[in-house]
Amino acid sequence: MQFLYFLLIGLAAGWLAGLVLKGRGFGLVGNLIVGVLGAVAGGFLFGLLGLQTSSMLGELVTATIGAIALIVVIAFAVKPK
């Protein structure tokens, strides 16, 4: 059940990140996938800062920030020449 919860938060975070970045992402499906990976990245980044979440909203914010950061990094890395 925890894994399903994690996936749902990550999918929602990817969708929100796509809205925040307004077309600078990878399309709906790409942003959803990056959202799940961003949930992991956000947790890692917040852990480095010593921050911890205790609610679903906190986890969604953490995952969304991670997804936005990951989309920006990936977009920068694969920038067309």
N, C-alpha and C. Protein backbone atom coordinates (compact mmCIF):
# COMPACT_ATOMS: atom_id res chain seq x y z
N MET A 1 0.81 -1.19 0.00
CA MET A 1 0.00 0.00 0.00
C MET A 1 0.86 1.26 0.00
N GLN A 2 1.99 1.24 0.69
CA GLN A 2 2.90 2.39 0.72
C GLN A 2 3.42 2.72 -0.67
N PHE A 3 3.69 1.70 -1.46
CA PHE A 3 4.21 1.90 -2.81
C PHE A 3 3.16 2.59 -3.68
N LEU A 4 1.93 2.19 -3.57
CA LEU A 4 0.84 2.81 -4.33
C LEU A 4 0.68 4.27 -3.91
N TYR A 5 0.74 4.53 -2.63
CA TYR A 5 0.67 5.89 -2.10
C TYR A 5 1.81 6.74 -2.66
N PHE A 6 3.01 6.19 -2.67
CA PHE A 6 4.18 6.88 -3.21
C PHE A 6 3.99 7.19 -4.69
N LEU A 7 3.48 6.24 -5.45
CA LEU A 7 3.24 6.46 -6.88
C LEU A 7 2.20 7.55 -7.12
N LEU A 8 1.14 7.54 -6.36
CA LEU A 8 0.10 8.55 -6.53
C LEU A 8 0.62 9.95 -6.20
N ILE A 9 1.39 10.09 -5.14
CA ILE A 9 1.98 11.38 -4.80
C ILE A 9 2.94 11.82 -5.91
N GLY A 10 3.74 10.90 -6.41
CA GLY A 10 4.68 11.22 -7.49
C GLY A 10 3.98 11.63 -8.77
N LEU A 11 2.90 10.95 -9.11
CA LEU A 11 2.14 11.31 -10.31
C LEU A 11 1.52 12.69 -10.17
N ALA A 12 0.95 12.96 -9.01
CA ALA A 12 0.37 14.29 -8.76
C ALA A 12 1.46 15.36 -8.81
N ALA A 13 2.63 15.06 -8.27
CA ALA A 13 3.74 16.02 -8.28
C ALA A 13 4.20 16.30 -9.70
N GLY A 14 4.26 15.29 -10.53
CA GLY A 14 4.65 15.47 -11.94
C GLY A 14 3.65 16.34 -12.68
N TRP A 15 2.37 16.14 -12.41
CA TRP A 15 1.34 16.94 -13.03
C TRP A 15 1.45 18.40 -12.58
N LEU A 16 1.65 18.61 -11.27
CA LEU A 16 1.80 19.97 -10.75
C LEU A 16 3.06 20.64 -11.29
N ALA A 17 4.13 19.90 -11.40
CA ALA A 17 5.37 20.46 -11.94
C ALA A 17 5.18 20.89 -13.39
N GLY A 18 4.42 20.11 -14.15
CA GLY A 18 4.12 20.50 -15.53
C GLY A 18 3.32 21.79 -15.59
N LEU A 19 2.40 21.97 -14.65
CA LEU A 19 1.62 23.21 -14.59
C LEU A 19 2.50 24.40 -14.22
N VAL A 20 3.38 24.19 -13.25
CA VAL A 20 4.26 25.28 -12.79
C VAL A 20 5.22 25.70 -13.90
N LEU A 21 5.77 24.74 -14.62
CA LEU A 21 6.76 25.05 -15.65
C LEU A 21 6.13 25.45 -16.98
N LYS A 22 4.84 25.33 -17.13
CA LYS A 22 4.07 25.79 -18.30
C LYS A 22 4.72 25.42 -19.64
N GLY A 23 4.76 24.14 -19.93
CA GLY A 23 5.23 23.70 -21.23
C GLY A 23 6.73 23.47 -21.34
N ARG A 24 7.48 23.73 -20.30
CA ARG A 24 8.92 23.50 -20.37
C ARG A 24 9.28 22.08 -19.98
N GLY A 25 8.31 21.24 -19.74
CA GLY A 25 8.56 19.88 -19.32
C GLY A 25 8.62 18.93 -20.50
N PHE A 26 8.13 17.72 -20.29
CA PHE A 26 8.24 16.65 -21.28
C PHE A 26 6.89 16.09 -21.68
N GLY A 27 5.85 16.87 -21.61
CA GLY A 27 4.51 16.38 -21.90
C GLY A 27 3.93 15.70 -20.68
N LEU A 28 2.66 15.36 -20.77
CA LEU A 28 1.95 14.81 -19.61
C LEU A 28 2.59 13.52 -19.10
N VAL A 29 2.78 12.55 -19.98
CA VAL A 29 3.33 11.26 -19.55
C VAL A 29 4.76 11.41 -19.05
N GLY A 30 5.57 12.19 -19.75
CA GLY A 30 6.95 12.42 -19.32
C GLY A 30 7.02 13.09 -17.97
N ASN A 31 6.15 14.09 -17.75
CA ASN A 31 6.14 14.78 -16.47
C ASN A 31 5.67 13.87 -15.35
N LEU A 32 4.74 12.98 -15.63
CA LEU A 32 4.28 12.03 -14.61
C LEU A 32 5.41 11.10 -14.19
N ILE A 33 6.16 10.63 -15.17
CA ILE A 33 7.29 9.75 -14.86
C ILE A 33 8.36 10.52 -14.08
N VAL A 34 8.66 11.73 -14.54
CA VAL A 34 9.64 12.56 -13.84
C VAL A 34 9.13 12.90 -12.44
N GLY A 35 7.82 13.03 -12.28
CA GLY A 35 7.25 13.30 -10.96
C GLY A 35 7.53 12.20 -9.97
N VAL A 36 7.42 10.96 -10.41
CA VAL A 36 7.72 9.84 -9.52
C VAL A 36 9.20 9.85 -9.15
N LEU A 37 10.06 10.08 -10.13
CA LEU A 37 11.49 10.18 -9.83
C LEU A 37 11.79 11.43 -9.00
N GLY A 38 11.05 12.49 -9.25
CA GLY A 38 11.22 13.72 -8.48
C GLY A 38 10.83 13.56 -7.03
N ALA A 39 9.89 12.67 -6.76
CA ALA A 39 9.51 12.40 -5.37
C ALA A 39 10.71 11.84 -4.61
N VAL A 40 11.45 10.98 -5.26
CA VAL A 40 12.66 10.43 -4.64
C VAL A 40 13.70 11.54 -4.48
N ALA A 41 13.90 12.33 -5.55
CA ALA A 41 14.88 13.42 -5.51
C ALA A 41 14.51 14.46 -4.45
N GLY A 42 13.23 14.80 -4.38
CA GLY A 42 12.78 15.78 -3.39
C GLY A 42 13.01 15.29 -1.97
N GLY A 43 12.72 14.03 -1.73
CA GLY A 43 12.97 13.46 -0.41
C GLY A 43 14.44 13.50 -0.05
N PHE A 44 15.28 13.22 -1.04
CA PHE A 44 16.72 13.25 -0.82
C PHE A 44 17.19 14.67 -0.53
N LEU A 45 16.73 15.65 -1.35
CA LEU A 45 17.13 17.04 -1.17
C LEU A 45 16.67 17.59 0.18
N PHE A 46 15.43 17.30 0.54
CA PHE A 46 14.93 17.78 1.82
C PHE A 46 15.67 17.10 2.98
N GLY A 47 16.04 15.84 2.81
CA GLY A 47 16.81 15.14 3.83
C GLY A 47 18.17 15.77 4.04
N LEU A 48 18.81 16.19 2.94
CA LEU A 48 20.11 16.87 3.05
C LEU A 48 19.99 18.18 3.82
N LEU A 49 18.83 18.83 3.69
CA LEU A 49 18.62 20.09 4.39
C LEU A 49 18.11 19.89 5.82
N GLY A 50 17.87 18.64 6.18
CA GLY A 50 17.39 18.34 7.52
C GLY A 50 15.90 18.56 7.70
N LEU A 51 15.17 18.64 6.59
CA LEU A 51 13.73 18.85 6.65
C LEU A 51 13.01 17.52 6.54
N GLN A 52 11.87 17.43 7.19
CA GLN A 52 11.10 16.20 7.20
C GLN A 52 9.61 16.54 7.11
N THR A 53 8.86 15.75 6.37
CA THR A 53 7.42 15.98 6.25
C THR A 53 6.66 15.03 7.16
N SER A 54 5.48 15.47 7.54
CA SER A 54 4.66 14.61 8.40
C SER A 54 3.21 14.55 7.92
N SER A 55 2.93 15.10 6.75
CA SER A 55 1.57 15.07 6.24
C SER A 55 1.58 14.80 4.74
N MET A 56 0.42 14.50 4.21
CA MET A 56 0.31 14.24 2.79
C MET A 56 0.63 15.50 1.99
N LEU A 57 0.18 16.65 2.48
CA LEU A 57 0.47 17.91 1.80
C LEU A 57 1.97 18.19 1.78
N GLY A 58 2.65 17.92 2.87
CA GLY A 58 4.10 18.10 2.92
C GLY A 58 4.82 17.19 1.95
N GLU A 59 4.35 15.96 1.84
CA GLU A 59 4.95 15.02 0.91
C GLU A 59 4.70 15.45 -0.53
N LEU A 60 3.53 15.99 -0.80
CA LEU A 60 3.22 16.47 -2.15
C LEU A 60 4.09 17.67 -2.50
N VAL A 61 4.29 18.58 -1.56
CA VAL A 61 5.15 19.74 -1.80
C VAL A 61 6.59 19.28 -2.03
N THR A 62 7.06 18.38 -1.22
CA THR A 62 8.42 17.85 -1.37
C THR A 62 8.60 17.19 -2.73
N ALA A 63 7.65 16.35 -3.12
CA ALA A 63 7.72 15.66 -4.40
C ALA A 63 7.63 16.64 -5.56
N THR A 64 6.80 17.66 -5.44
CA THR A 64 6.65 18.64 -6.51
C THR A 64 7.93 19.45 -6.69
N ILE A 65 8.54 19.87 -5.60
CA ILE A 65 9.80 20.60 -5.69
C ILE A 65 10.88 19.72 -6.31
N GLY A 66 10.91 18.45 -5.92
CA GLY A 66 11.86 17.52 -6.52
C GLY A 66 11.61 17.32 -8.00
N ALA A 67 10.34 17.23 -8.40
CA ALA A 67 10.00 17.05 -9.82
C ALA A 67 10.38 18.28 -10.62
N ILE A 68 10.12 19.47 -10.09
CA ILE A 68 10.49 20.70 -10.79
C ILE A 68 12.00 20.76 -10.96
N ALA A 69 12.73 20.47 -9.90
CA ALA A 69 14.19 20.49 -9.98
C ALA A 69 14.70 19.48 -11.00
N LEU A 70 14.11 18.30 -11.01
CA LEU A 70 14.55 17.26 -11.94
C LEU A 70 14.22 17.63 -13.38
N ILE A 71 13.05 18.21 -13.64
CA ILE A 71 12.69 18.63 -14.99
C ILE A 71 13.65 19.71 -15.48
N VAL A 72 13.97 20.66 -14.62
CA VAL A 72 14.89 21.73 -15.01
C VAL A 72 16.28 21.17 -15.32
N VAL A 73 16.76 20.27 -14.48
CA VAL A 73 18.09 19.67 -14.70
C VAL A 73 18.11 18.85 -15.98
N ILE A 74 17.10 18.04 -16.21
CA ILE A 74 17.05 17.22 -17.42
C ILE A 74 16.92 18.10 -18.66
N ALA A 75 16.08 19.12 -18.61
CA ALA A 75 15.91 20.02 -19.75
C ALA A 75 17.22 20.76 -20.06
N PHE A 76 17.94 21.14 -19.02
CA PHE A 76 19.24 21.80 -19.22
C PHE A 76 20.26 20.83 -19.82
N ALA A 77 20.23 19.58 -19.38
CA ALA A 77 21.21 18.59 -19.84
C ALA A 77 20.97 18.17 -21.28
N VAL A 78 19.74 18.14 -21.73
CA VAL A 78 19.42 17.69 -23.08
C VAL A 78 19.01 18.86 -23.98
N LYS A 79 19.47 20.05 -23.64
CA LYS A 79 19.16 21.25 -24.42
C LYS A 79 19.61 21.05 -25.86
N PRO A 80 18.71 21.34 -26.83
CA PRO A 80 19.10 21.18 -28.23
C PRO A 80 20.23 22.14 -28.60
N LYS A 81 21.07 21.68 -29.50
CA LYS A 81 22.25 22.48 -29.89
C LYS A 81 21.94 23.40 -31.03
